[in-house]
Amino acid sequence: MKQFVGYICIAIMLPGMKQFFLTVFCLLVSLVCFCQDWSDDQLEKAGTAANIQSLTDAEKAIILYVNLARMYPKDFAVIELSDDYYLNTESKSFTNSLREELNNAVPLAPLEFDAALYESARCFAKESGDRGTVGHKRKGCRFERYAECCSYGVKEGWDVALQWLIDADVAGVGHRRNWLNPAFTKMAVSMQPHKKYRVCAVAEMK
């Protein structure tokens, strides 16, 4: 949509007063399309882990963006799901399905940080990283009946959150189902070095 509006602007910005009002209108539309962003109030309400000192900036960012998707689904679809993100042939349909789901979603309460969930996530992220393994099978860490998401090789918090929400090529989009589940009220996430994939993230929610 942003690119389309830009093409229209170029086409109608021609010499002559008769084009003046159309040009002004187009520029105003372009500003609306390009300038929509999160308000300070939205970011503050979604950043439920902003003051947790044990978390890294990347871990806080995951919680922030997951909460933005839950609390402001329609805004998230516009602001975060840009037309050129994850639109290759493998994941285009998943991005489009997330956009459609968010546009029809009811806003949910944010997930609050939970210390017990963090200890579980941190233990398994470290175990997976030290062993170089993937998946949900624990060896030394205590098994808990929490919903769990794992990511490998992605180090930026925004990218991890978008990876889980888009859930490309994941049957049943199970990670997305977890994050947009209205029954869950608490979460935590830990990112640790990984022997094979450089970094892994483990999130727990309940």
N, C-alpha and C. Protein backbone atom coordinates (compact mmCIF):
# COMPACT_ATOMS: atom_id res chain seq x y z
N MET A 1 0.83 -1.20 0.00
CA MET A 1 0.00 0.00 0.00
C MET A 1 0.86 1.25 0.00
N LYS A 2 1.95 1.28 0.80
CA LYS A 2 2.82 2.44 0.85
C LYS A 2 3.47 2.68 -0.50
N GLN A 3 3.96 1.62 -1.14
CA GLN A 3 4.59 1.76 -2.43
C GLN A 3 3.58 2.24 -3.46
N PHE A 4 2.35 1.72 -3.41
CA PHE A 4 1.30 2.09 -4.35
C PHE A 4 0.99 3.57 -4.26
N VAL A 5 0.86 4.08 -3.03
CA VAL A 5 0.59 5.50 -2.85
C VAL A 5 1.73 6.33 -3.40
N GLY A 6 2.96 5.88 -3.19
CA GLY A 6 4.11 6.61 -3.72
C GLY A 6 4.09 6.71 -5.22
N TYR A 7 3.72 5.62 -5.91
CA TYR A 7 3.64 5.65 -7.35
C TYR A 7 2.57 6.63 -7.83
N ILE A 8 1.44 6.67 -7.13
CA ILE A 8 0.39 7.60 -7.50
C ILE A 8 0.89 9.04 -7.38
N CYS A 9 1.60 9.33 -6.30
CA CYS A 9 2.11 10.68 -6.08
C CYS A 9 3.01 11.12 -7.22
N ILE A 10 3.91 10.24 -7.63
CA ILE A 10 4.81 10.58 -8.72
C ILE A 10 4.03 10.85 -9.99
N ALA A 11 2.99 10.05 -10.20
CA ALA A 11 2.21 10.17 -11.42
C ALA A 11 1.43 11.47 -11.50
N ILE A 12 0.93 11.96 -10.37
CA ILE A 12 0.06 13.13 -10.43
C ILE A 12 0.77 14.44 -10.12
N MET A 13 2.03 14.38 -9.68
CA MET A 13 2.75 15.62 -9.40
C MET A 13 3.28 16.20 -10.71
N LEU A 14 2.39 16.74 -11.52
CA LEU A 14 2.68 17.28 -12.82
C LEU A 14 2.53 18.79 -12.80
N PRO A 15 3.13 19.50 -13.75
CA PRO A 15 2.99 20.95 -13.81
C PRO A 15 1.52 21.35 -14.01
N GLY A 16 1.17 22.52 -13.51
CA GLY A 16 -0.18 23.02 -13.73
C GLY A 16 -0.98 23.09 -12.46
N MET A 17 -1.74 24.17 -12.31
CA MET A 17 -2.53 24.37 -11.11
C MET A 17 -3.64 23.33 -10.95
N LYS A 18 -4.09 22.78 -12.06
CA LYS A 18 -5.20 21.82 -11.95
C LYS A 18 -4.81 20.56 -11.19
N GLN A 19 -3.50 20.33 -11.07
CA GLN A 19 -3.04 19.16 -10.32
C GLN A 19 -2.76 19.48 -8.85
N PHE A 20 -2.86 20.77 -8.46
CA PHE A 20 -2.43 21.18 -7.13
C PHE A 20 -3.15 20.44 -6.02
N PHE A 21 -4.48 20.42 -6.05
CA PHE A 21 -5.24 19.82 -4.96
C PHE A 21 -5.04 18.31 -4.90
N LEU A 22 -4.94 17.66 -6.04
CA LEU A 22 -4.68 16.23 -6.05
C LEU A 22 -3.31 15.93 -5.46
N THR A 23 -2.33 16.76 -5.76
CA THR A 23 -0.98 16.56 -5.23
C THR A 23 -0.96 16.71 -3.72
N VAL A 24 -1.61 17.76 -3.21
CA VAL A 24 -1.65 17.97 -1.76
C VAL A 24 -2.34 16.82 -1.07
N PHE A 25 -3.46 16.36 -1.62
CA PHE A 25 -4.19 15.23 -1.04
C PHE A 25 -3.31 13.99 -0.99
N CYS A 26 -2.61 13.74 -2.06
CA CYS A 26 -1.75 12.55 -2.12
C CYS A 26 -0.63 12.62 -1.10
N LEU A 27 -0.04 13.80 -0.94
CA LEU A 27 1.02 13.95 0.04
C LEU A 27 0.52 13.72 1.46
N LEU A 28 -0.70 14.19 1.74
CA LEU A 28 -1.28 13.96 3.06
C LEU A 28 -1.52 12.48 3.31
N VAL A 29 -2.02 11.77 2.31
CA VAL A 29 -2.24 10.33 2.43
C VAL A 29 -0.92 9.61 2.67
N SER A 30 0.12 10.04 1.96
CA SER A 30 1.43 9.42 2.12
C SER A 30 1.97 9.60 3.52
N LEU A 31 1.77 10.79 4.09
CA LEU A 31 2.23 11.04 5.45
C LEU A 31 1.53 10.14 6.44
N VAL A 32 0.24 9.93 6.26
CA VAL A 32 -0.50 9.03 7.14
C VAL A 32 0.05 7.62 7.04
N CYS A 33 0.33 7.17 5.82
CA CYS A 33 0.80 5.80 5.62
C CYS A 33 2.18 5.60 6.22
N PHE A 34 3.07 6.61 6.09
CA PHE A 34 4.45 6.42 6.49
C PHE A 34 4.71 6.77 7.95
N CYS A 35 3.85 7.56 8.56
CA CYS A 35 4.18 8.10 9.88
C CYS A 35 3.48 7.39 11.03
N GLN A 36 2.61 6.45 10.77
CA GLN A 36 1.94 5.79 11.88
C GLN A 36 2.96 5.00 12.69
N ASP A 37 2.94 5.21 13.97
CA ASP A 37 3.90 4.54 14.84
C ASP A 37 3.26 4.36 16.21
N TRP A 38 3.97 3.64 17.10
CA TRP A 38 3.46 3.41 18.43
C TRP A 38 3.52 4.69 19.26
N SER A 39 2.50 4.91 20.05
CA SER A 39 2.50 6.05 20.96
C SER A 39 3.31 5.68 22.20
N ASP A 40 3.75 6.70 22.93
CA ASP A 40 4.47 6.46 24.18
C ASP A 40 3.60 5.69 25.17
N ASP A 41 2.31 5.98 25.18
CA ASP A 41 1.38 5.31 26.09
C ASP A 41 1.28 3.82 25.77
N GLN A 42 1.19 3.49 24.47
CA GLN A 42 1.12 2.09 24.07
C GLN A 42 2.39 1.34 24.45
N LEU A 43 3.52 1.95 24.21
CA LEU A 43 4.80 1.30 24.52
C LEU A 43 4.96 1.10 26.03
N GLU A 44 4.53 2.06 26.80
CA GLU A 44 4.64 1.94 28.25
C GLU A 44 3.75 0.82 28.78
N LYS A 45 2.52 0.74 28.30
CA LYS A 45 1.59 -0.29 28.77
C LYS A 45 2.02 -1.69 28.33
N ALA A 46 2.61 -1.80 27.15
CA ALA A 46 3.03 -3.12 26.65
C ALA A 46 4.37 -3.57 27.23
N GLY A 47 5.16 -2.62 27.71
CA GLY A 47 6.49 -2.96 28.24
C GLY A 47 6.44 -3.42 29.68
N THR A 48 5.77 -4.51 29.93
CA THR A 48 5.56 -4.99 31.30
C THR A 48 6.84 -5.48 31.97
N ALA A 49 7.89 -5.71 31.18
CA ALA A 49 9.16 -6.18 31.76
C ALA A 49 10.25 -5.11 31.64
N ALA A 50 9.87 -3.89 31.36
CA ALA A 50 10.85 -2.84 31.10
C ALA A 50 11.78 -2.60 32.29
N ASN A 51 11.30 -2.84 33.49
CA ASN A 51 12.09 -2.56 34.69
C ASN A 51 12.69 -3.80 35.34
N ILE A 52 12.62 -4.94 34.65
CA ILE A 52 13.19 -6.18 35.19
C ILE A 52 14.69 -6.19 34.88
N GLN A 53 15.51 -6.00 35.88
CA GLN A 53 16.94 -5.82 35.66
C GLN A 53 17.65 -7.08 35.20
N SER A 54 17.07 -8.23 35.46
CA SER A 54 17.72 -9.49 35.07
C SER A 54 17.60 -9.76 33.58
N LEU A 55 16.76 -9.03 32.87
CA LEU A 55 16.54 -9.26 31.45
C LEU A 55 17.43 -8.37 30.59
N THR A 56 17.83 -8.89 29.46
CA THR A 56 18.57 -8.10 28.48
C THR A 56 17.59 -7.25 27.68
N ASP A 57 18.13 -6.30 26.92
CA ASP A 57 17.27 -5.47 26.07
C ASP A 57 16.53 -6.32 25.05
N ALA A 58 17.19 -7.33 24.51
CA ALA A 58 16.55 -8.20 23.51
C ALA A 58 15.40 -8.98 24.14
N GLU A 59 15.59 -9.48 25.34
CA GLU A 59 14.54 -10.22 26.03
C GLU A 59 13.35 -9.31 26.35
N LYS A 60 13.64 -8.09 26.78
CA LYS A 60 12.56 -7.13 27.03
C LYS A 60 11.81 -6.80 25.75
N ALA A 61 12.54 -6.71 24.64
CA ALA A 61 11.91 -6.38 23.36
C ALA A 61 10.95 -7.48 22.92
N ILE A 62 11.29 -8.74 23.17
CA ILE A 62 10.39 -9.84 22.82
C ILE A 62 9.07 -9.67 23.55
N ILE A 63 9.15 -9.42 24.85
CA ILE A 63 7.94 -9.26 25.65
C ILE A 63 7.15 -8.04 25.19
N LEU A 64 7.84 -6.97 24.89
CA LEU A 64 7.19 -5.75 24.42
C LEU A 64 6.39 -6.00 23.15
N TYR A 65 7.00 -6.61 22.14
CA TYR A 65 6.33 -6.76 20.85
C TYR A 65 5.24 -7.82 20.88
N VAL A 66 5.43 -8.86 21.68
CA VAL A 66 4.35 -9.82 21.85
C VAL A 66 3.13 -9.14 22.48
N ASN A 67 3.38 -8.31 23.48
CA ASN A 67 2.27 -7.60 24.13
C ASN A 67 1.62 -6.59 23.20
N LEU A 68 2.40 -5.92 22.37
CA LEU A 68 1.81 -4.99 21.40
C LEU A 68 0.87 -5.72 20.46
N ALA A 69 1.26 -6.93 20.04
CA ALA A 69 0.39 -7.72 19.16
C ALA A 69 -0.88 -8.14 19.88
N ARG A 70 -0.77 -8.45 21.15
CA ARG A 70 -1.94 -8.86 21.92
C ARG A 70 -2.87 -7.67 22.20
N MET A 71 -2.31 -6.57 22.61
CA MET A 71 -3.09 -5.44 23.10
C MET A 71 -3.64 -4.56 21.98
N TYR A 72 -2.86 -4.43 20.89
CA TYR A 72 -3.24 -3.53 19.80
C TYR A 72 -3.09 -4.27 18.46
N PRO A 73 -3.88 -5.32 18.26
CA PRO A 73 -3.68 -6.18 17.09
C PRO A 73 -3.79 -5.45 15.75
N LYS A 74 -4.75 -4.58 15.60
CA LYS A 74 -4.93 -3.88 14.33
C LYS A 74 -3.77 -2.93 14.06
N ASP A 75 -3.32 -2.22 15.09
CA ASP A 75 -2.15 -1.34 14.93
C ASP A 75 -0.90 -2.15 14.60
N PHE A 76 -0.76 -3.30 15.24
CA PHE A 76 0.41 -4.14 14.99
C PHE A 76 0.45 -4.58 13.52
N ALA A 77 -0.70 -4.93 12.98
CA ALA A 77 -0.76 -5.37 11.58
C ALA A 77 -0.28 -4.28 10.64
N VAL A 78 -0.57 -3.02 10.97
CA VAL A 78 -0.18 -1.89 10.12
C VAL A 78 1.28 -1.50 10.35
N ILE A 79 1.67 -1.39 11.61
CA ILE A 79 2.99 -0.85 11.94
C ILE A 79 4.12 -1.86 11.75
N GLU A 80 3.90 -3.08 12.17
CA GLU A 80 4.99 -4.07 12.20
C GLU A 80 5.02 -5.02 11.00
N LEU A 81 3.88 -5.27 10.38
CA LEU A 81 3.86 -6.22 9.26
C LEU A 81 3.99 -5.46 7.95
N SER A 82 5.17 -4.92 7.70
CA SER A 82 5.40 -4.16 6.47
C SER A 82 5.34 -5.09 5.27
N ASP A 83 5.10 -4.49 4.12
CA ASP A 83 4.90 -5.28 2.90
C ASP A 83 6.14 -6.06 2.47
N ASP A 84 7.32 -5.64 2.91
CA ASP A 84 8.54 -6.31 2.46
C ASP A 84 9.15 -7.21 3.53
N TYR A 85 8.40 -7.52 4.58
CA TYR A 85 8.93 -8.36 5.65
C TYR A 85 8.39 -9.78 5.52
N TYR A 86 9.28 -10.75 5.47
CA TYR A 86 8.91 -12.16 5.38
C TYR A 86 7.95 -12.44 4.24
N LEU A 87 8.16 -11.78 3.09
CA LEU A 87 7.25 -12.00 1.96
C LEU A 87 7.91 -12.82 0.86
N ASN A 88 8.80 -13.73 1.22
CA ASN A 88 9.30 -14.66 0.23
C ASN A 88 8.26 -15.75 0.00
N THR A 89 8.50 -16.63 -0.92
CA THR A 89 7.48 -17.61 -1.30
C THR A 89 7.15 -18.57 -0.18
N GLU A 90 8.11 -18.81 0.74
CA GLU A 90 7.87 -19.77 1.81
C GLU A 90 6.98 -19.20 2.91
N SER A 91 7.06 -17.91 3.18
CA SER A 91 6.37 -17.39 4.35
C SER A 91 5.31 -16.33 4.05
N LYS A 92 5.12 -15.98 2.80
CA LYS A 92 4.15 -14.93 2.47
C LYS A 92 2.77 -15.27 2.99
N SER A 93 2.34 -16.51 2.81
CA SER A 93 0.99 -16.88 3.24
C SER A 93 0.84 -16.81 4.76
N PHE A 94 1.92 -17.10 5.50
CA PHE A 94 1.86 -17.03 6.96
C PHE A 94 1.79 -15.58 7.44
N THR A 95 2.55 -14.71 6.77
CA THR A 95 2.48 -13.29 7.11
C THR A 95 1.08 -12.74 6.84
N ASN A 96 0.53 -13.12 5.70
CA ASN A 96 -0.82 -12.66 5.36
C ASN A 96 -1.87 -13.20 6.32
N SER A 97 -1.70 -14.44 6.76
CA SER A 97 -2.68 -15.01 7.69
C SER A 97 -2.59 -14.34 9.05
N LEU A 98 -1.37 -13.97 9.48
CA LEU A 98 -1.22 -13.23 10.74
C LEU A 98 -1.87 -11.86 10.62
N ARG A 99 -1.64 -11.17 9.50
CA ARG A 99 -2.24 -9.85 9.31
C ARG A 99 -3.76 -9.95 9.36
N GLU A 100 -4.32 -10.94 8.70
CA GLU A 100 -5.77 -11.12 8.70
C GLU A 100 -6.29 -11.43 10.10
N GLU A 101 -5.56 -12.28 10.82
CA GLU A 101 -5.98 -12.65 12.17
C GLU A 101 -5.96 -11.44 13.10
N LEU A 102 -4.91 -10.64 13.00
CA LEU A 102 -4.80 -9.46 13.86
C LEU A 102 -5.88 -8.42 13.53
N ASN A 103 -6.19 -8.28 12.26
CA ASN A 103 -7.21 -7.32 11.86
C ASN A 103 -8.60 -7.70 12.35
N ASN A 104 -8.79 -8.96 12.70
CA ASN A 104 -10.09 -9.42 13.19
C ASN A 104 -10.06 -9.80 14.66
N ALA A 105 -8.94 -9.51 15.33
CA ALA A 105 -8.77 -9.95 16.71
C ALA A 105 -9.35 -8.96 17.71
N VAL A 106 -9.71 -9.51 18.86
CA VAL A 106 -10.14 -8.70 20.00
C VAL A 106 -8.91 -8.40 20.85
N PRO A 107 -8.69 -7.17 21.27
CA PRO A 107 -7.52 -6.85 22.10
C PRO A 107 -7.48 -7.69 23.38
N LEU A 108 -6.28 -8.12 23.75
CA LEU A 108 -6.08 -8.95 24.93
C LEU A 108 -5.25 -8.19 25.96
N ALA A 109 -5.29 -8.68 27.18
CA ALA A 109 -4.47 -8.10 28.24
C ALA A 109 -3.00 -8.44 28.00
N PRO A 110 -2.08 -7.61 28.45
CA PRO A 110 -0.66 -7.91 28.28
C PRO A 110 -0.23 -9.06 29.17
N LEU A 111 0.85 -9.72 28.75
CA LEU A 111 1.45 -10.77 29.57
C LEU A 111 2.41 -10.12 30.55
N GLU A 112 2.32 -10.52 31.81
CA GLU A 112 3.18 -9.98 32.85
C GLU A 112 4.37 -10.90 33.08
N PHE A 113 5.52 -10.31 33.42
CA PHE A 113 6.72 -11.10 33.68
C PHE A 113 6.54 -11.93 34.95
N ASP A 114 7.06 -13.18 34.91
CA ASP A 114 6.96 -14.08 36.05
C ASP A 114 8.33 -14.69 36.33
N ALA A 115 8.78 -14.58 37.56
CA ALA A 115 10.13 -15.02 37.93
C ALA A 115 10.30 -16.53 37.81
N ALA A 116 9.29 -17.30 38.19
CA ALA A 116 9.40 -18.76 38.11
C ALA A 116 9.48 -19.21 36.65
N LEU A 117 8.71 -18.58 35.79
CA LEU A 117 8.78 -18.89 34.36
C LEU A 117 10.17 -18.54 33.81
N TYR A 118 10.73 -17.45 34.30
CA TYR A 118 12.05 -17.04 33.83
C TYR A 118 13.11 -18.08 34.20
N GLU A 119 13.06 -18.59 35.41
CA GLU A 119 14.05 -19.60 35.82
C GLU A 119 13.94 -20.85 34.96
N SER A 120 12.71 -21.24 34.64
CA SER A 120 12.51 -22.40 33.78
C SER A 120 13.04 -22.14 32.37
N ALA A 121 12.74 -20.97 31.83
CA ALA A 121 13.20 -20.62 30.48
C ALA A 121 14.72 -20.51 30.44
N ARG A 122 15.30 -19.89 31.44
CA ARG A 122 16.75 -19.70 31.48
C ARG A 122 17.47 -21.04 31.58
N CYS A 123 16.97 -21.93 32.42
CA CYS A 123 17.60 -23.24 32.57
C CYS A 123 17.62 -23.99 31.24
N PHE A 124 16.47 -24.00 30.55
CA PHE A 124 16.40 -24.79 29.33
C PHE A 124 17.15 -24.12 28.18
N ALA A 125 17.13 -22.79 28.12
CA ALA A 125 17.89 -22.10 27.08
C ALA A 125 19.38 -22.38 27.24
N LYS A 126 19.85 -22.36 28.48
CA LYS A 126 21.27 -22.65 28.73
C LYS A 126 21.59 -24.11 28.43
N GLU A 127 20.71 -25.00 28.85
CA GLU A 127 20.93 -26.43 28.57
C GLU A 127 20.96 -26.69 27.07
N SER A 128 20.01 -26.15 26.34
CA SER A 128 19.97 -26.34 24.88
C SER A 128 21.21 -25.76 24.22
N GLY A 129 21.61 -24.57 24.68
CA GLY A 129 22.79 -23.94 24.10
C GLY A 129 24.06 -24.71 24.37
N ASP A 130 24.25 -25.17 25.58
CA ASP A 130 25.46 -25.91 25.94
C ASP A 130 25.55 -27.24 25.19
N ARG A 131 24.39 -27.88 25.00
CA ARG A 131 24.37 -29.18 24.31
C ARG A 131 24.27 -29.04 22.80
N GLY A 132 23.88 -27.86 22.32
CA GLY A 132 23.71 -27.66 20.89
C GLY A 132 22.49 -28.36 20.33
N THR A 133 21.44 -28.50 21.16
CA THR A 133 20.24 -29.22 20.74
C THR A 133 19.11 -28.26 20.40
N VAL A 134 18.09 -28.80 19.73
CA VAL A 134 16.88 -28.06 19.43
C VAL A 134 15.68 -28.88 19.90
N GLY A 135 14.54 -28.23 20.02
CA GLY A 135 13.34 -28.95 20.44
C GLY A 135 13.02 -28.69 21.90
N HIS A 136 12.05 -29.45 22.41
CA HIS A 136 11.51 -29.20 23.75
C HIS A 136 11.87 -30.28 24.77
N LYS A 137 12.71 -31.22 24.38
CA LYS A 137 13.04 -32.32 25.29
C LYS A 137 14.11 -31.89 26.28
N ARG A 138 13.77 -31.91 27.56
CA ARG A 138 14.70 -31.50 28.62
C ARG A 138 15.45 -32.71 29.17
N LYS A 139 16.68 -32.44 29.59
CA LYS A 139 17.48 -33.50 30.18
C LYS A 139 17.78 -33.20 31.64
N GLY A 140 18.38 -32.05 31.91
CA GLY A 140 18.72 -31.70 33.27
C GLY A 140 17.75 -30.73 33.92
N CYS A 141 17.06 -29.96 33.11
CA CYS A 141 16.11 -28.98 33.63
C CYS A 141 14.79 -29.64 33.99
N ARG A 142 14.20 -29.16 35.05
CA ARG A 142 12.93 -29.71 35.50
C ARG A 142 11.83 -29.46 34.47
N PHE A 143 11.05 -30.47 34.20
CA PHE A 143 9.92 -30.33 33.28
C PHE A 143 8.75 -29.65 33.98
N GLU A 144 8.23 -28.62 33.34
CA GLU A 144 7.08 -27.90 33.87
C GLU A 144 5.97 -27.92 32.82
N ARG A 145 4.74 -27.86 33.26
CA ARG A 145 3.61 -27.86 32.32
C ARG A 145 3.29 -26.43 31.89
N TYR A 146 4.27 -25.80 31.26
CA TYR A 146 4.08 -24.47 30.72
C TYR A 146 4.01 -24.56 29.19
N ALA A 147 3.34 -23.60 28.59
CA ALA A 147 3.44 -23.47 27.14
C ALA A 147 4.83 -22.93 26.84
N GLU A 148 5.44 -23.42 25.76
CA GLU A 148 6.84 -23.09 25.51
C GLU A 148 7.08 -22.80 24.03
N CYS A 149 7.91 -21.80 23.77
CA CYS A 149 8.35 -21.47 22.41
C CYS A 149 9.87 -21.41 22.39
N CYS A 150 10.47 -21.93 21.33
CA CYS A 150 11.92 -21.91 21.19
C CYS A 150 12.30 -21.30 19.84
N SER A 151 13.41 -20.57 19.84
CA SER A 151 13.92 -19.98 18.61
C SER A 151 15.43 -20.17 18.58
N TYR A 152 15.99 -20.31 17.37
CA TYR A 152 17.42 -20.55 17.23
C TYR A 152 18.02 -19.66 16.13
N GLY A 153 19.17 -19.08 16.43
CA GLY A 153 19.89 -18.32 15.43
C GLY A 153 19.41 -16.90 15.20
N VAL A 154 18.46 -16.43 15.99
CA VAL A 154 17.92 -15.07 15.83
C VAL A 154 18.23 -14.29 17.10
N LYS A 155 18.97 -13.20 16.98
CA LYS A 155 19.47 -12.52 18.18
C LYS A 155 18.73 -11.26 18.56
N GLU A 156 18.00 -10.64 17.65
CA GLU A 156 17.29 -9.41 17.97
C GLU A 156 15.89 -9.71 18.49
N GLY A 157 15.48 -9.01 19.54
CA GLY A 157 14.19 -9.30 20.15
C GLY A 157 13.02 -9.12 19.20
N TRP A 158 13.03 -8.05 18.42
CA TRP A 158 11.94 -7.82 17.46
C TRP A 158 11.83 -8.97 16.48
N ASP A 159 12.98 -9.45 15.98
CA ASP A 159 12.98 -10.54 15.01
C ASP A 159 12.44 -11.84 15.62
N VAL A 160 12.81 -12.11 16.87
CA VAL A 160 12.31 -13.32 17.52
C VAL A 160 10.79 -13.25 17.69
N ALA A 161 10.29 -12.11 18.15
CA ALA A 161 8.85 -11.95 18.34
C ALA A 161 8.10 -12.11 17.02
N LEU A 162 8.61 -11.51 15.95
CA LEU A 162 7.96 -11.63 14.64
C LEU A 162 8.05 -13.06 14.11
N GLN A 163 9.18 -13.71 14.36
CA GLN A 163 9.33 -15.11 13.92
C GLN A 163 8.26 -15.98 14.56
N TRP A 164 8.06 -15.83 15.86
CA TRP A 164 7.05 -16.64 16.56
C TRP A 164 5.63 -16.28 16.15
N LEU A 165 5.37 -15.01 15.93
CA LEU A 165 4.01 -14.60 15.58
C LEU A 165 3.65 -14.99 14.15
N ILE A 166 4.58 -14.81 13.23
CA ILE A 166 4.32 -15.22 11.84
C ILE A 166 4.29 -16.73 11.73
N ASP A 167 5.26 -17.38 12.39
CA ASP A 167 5.29 -18.85 12.49
C ASP A 167 5.33 -19.53 11.12
N ALA A 168 6.17 -19.05 10.24
CA ALA A 168 6.25 -19.60 8.89
C ALA A 168 6.60 -21.08 8.89
N ASP A 169 5.85 -21.84 8.13
CA ASP A 169 6.08 -23.28 7.94
C ASP A 169 5.91 -24.11 9.20
N VAL A 170 5.28 -23.56 10.23
CA VAL A 170 4.98 -24.33 11.44
C VAL A 170 3.52 -24.78 11.37
N ALA A 171 3.32 -26.08 11.33
CA ALA A 171 1.96 -26.61 11.20
C ALA A 171 1.10 -26.17 12.37
N GLY A 172 -0.05 -25.60 12.06
CA GLY A 172 -0.96 -25.15 13.11
C GLY A 172 -0.55 -23.87 13.79
N VAL A 173 0.52 -23.23 13.30
CA VAL A 173 1.09 -22.01 13.89
C VAL A 173 1.00 -22.04 15.42
N GLY A 174 1.60 -23.06 16.00
CA GLY A 174 1.51 -23.28 17.44
C GLY A 174 2.11 -22.18 18.28
N HIS A 175 3.22 -21.58 17.81
CA HIS A 175 3.81 -20.48 18.57
C HIS A 175 2.85 -19.29 18.61
N ARG A 176 2.28 -18.98 17.45
CA ARG A 176 1.31 -17.87 17.39
C ARG A 176 0.12 -18.13 18.28
N ARG A 177 -0.35 -19.38 18.29
CA ARG A 177 -1.50 -19.72 19.14
C ARG A 177 -1.17 -19.45 20.60
N ASN A 178 0.06 -19.76 21.00
CA ASN A 178 0.46 -19.50 22.39
C ASN A 178 0.43 -18.01 22.70
N TRP A 179 1.04 -17.21 21.84
CA TRP A 179 1.17 -15.78 22.13
C TRP A 179 -0.16 -15.05 22.11
N LEU A 180 -1.08 -15.52 21.32
CA LEU A 180 -2.38 -14.83 21.21
C LEU A 180 -3.48 -15.56 21.98
N ASN A 181 -3.07 -16.38 22.94
CA ASN A 181 -4.02 -17.13 23.74
C ASN A 181 -4.55 -16.24 24.88
N PRO A 182 -5.84 -15.98 24.94
CA PRO A 182 -6.38 -15.11 26.00
C PRO A 182 -6.29 -15.72 27.39
N ALA A 183 -6.09 -17.04 27.47
CA ALA A 183 -6.02 -17.70 28.78
C ALA A 183 -4.69 -17.43 29.49
N PHE A 184 -3.65 -17.10 28.75
CA PHE A 184 -2.34 -16.88 29.35
C PHE A 184 -2.25 -15.45 29.89
N THR A 185 -1.63 -15.32 31.06
CA THR A 185 -1.48 -14.01 31.69
C THR A 185 -0.04 -13.68 32.07
N LYS A 186 0.84 -14.69 32.07
CA LYS A 186 2.22 -14.49 32.49
C LYS A 186 3.18 -15.11 31.49
N MET A 187 4.40 -14.55 31.45
CA MET A 187 5.41 -15.09 30.54
C MET A 187 6.80 -14.71 31.03
N ALA A 188 7.79 -15.34 30.43
CA ALA A 188 9.20 -14.97 30.62
C ALA A 188 9.97 -15.54 29.45
N VAL A 189 11.11 -14.97 29.19
CA VAL A 189 11.94 -15.42 28.07
C VAL A 189 13.41 -15.27 28.45
N SER A 190 14.22 -16.20 27.97
CA SER A 190 15.67 -16.13 28.19
C SER A 190 16.38 -16.44 26.88
N MET A 191 17.39 -15.63 26.58
CA MET A 191 18.23 -15.86 25.40
C MET A 191 19.63 -16.22 25.88
N GLN A 192 20.17 -17.31 25.32
CA GLN A 192 21.48 -17.80 25.74
C GLN A 192 22.31 -18.19 24.52
N PRO A 193 23.64 -18.21 24.64
CA PRO A 193 24.49 -18.67 23.54
C PRO A 193 24.17 -20.13 23.19
N HIS A 194 24.26 -20.44 21.90
CA HIS A 194 23.97 -21.80 21.43
C HIS A 194 25.16 -22.34 20.65
N LYS A 195 25.57 -23.56 20.97
CA LYS A 195 26.76 -24.16 20.39
C LYS A 195 26.68 -24.27 18.86
N LYS A 196 25.50 -24.53 18.33
CA LYS A 196 25.34 -24.74 16.89
C LYS A 196 24.78 -23.52 16.19
N TYR A 197 23.80 -22.85 16.79
CA TYR A 197 23.10 -21.74 16.12
C TYR A 197 23.44 -20.37 16.71
N ARG A 198 24.50 -20.27 17.47
CA ARG A 198 24.99 -19.02 18.06
C ARG A 198 24.13 -18.49 19.21
N VAL A 199 22.82 -18.52 19.06
CA VAL A 199 21.94 -18.02 20.11
C VAL A 199 20.62 -18.77 20.07
N CYS A 200 20.01 -18.97 21.23
CA CYS A 200 18.68 -19.55 21.27
C CYS A 200 17.85 -18.76 22.27
N ALA A 201 16.56 -18.75 22.04
CA ALA A 201 15.61 -18.09 22.94
C ALA A 201 14.56 -19.11 23.35
N VAL A 202 14.27 -19.11 24.63
CA VAL A 202 13.22 -19.99 25.15
C VAL A 202 12.23 -19.10 25.93
N ALA A 203 10.96 -19.24 25.60
CA ALA A 203 9.91 -18.49 26.29
C ALA A 203 8.94 -19.46 26.92
N GLU A 204 8.50 -19.11 28.11
CA GLU A 204 7.51 -19.90 28.81
C GLU A 204 6.30 -18.99 29.12
N MET A 205 5.12 -19.57 29.06
CA MET A 205 3.92 -18.78 29.41
C MET A 205 2.89 -19.66 30.08
N LYS A 206 2.03 -19.02 30.87
CA LYS A 206 0.96 -19.76 31.53
C LYS A 206 -0.21 -18.82 31.80
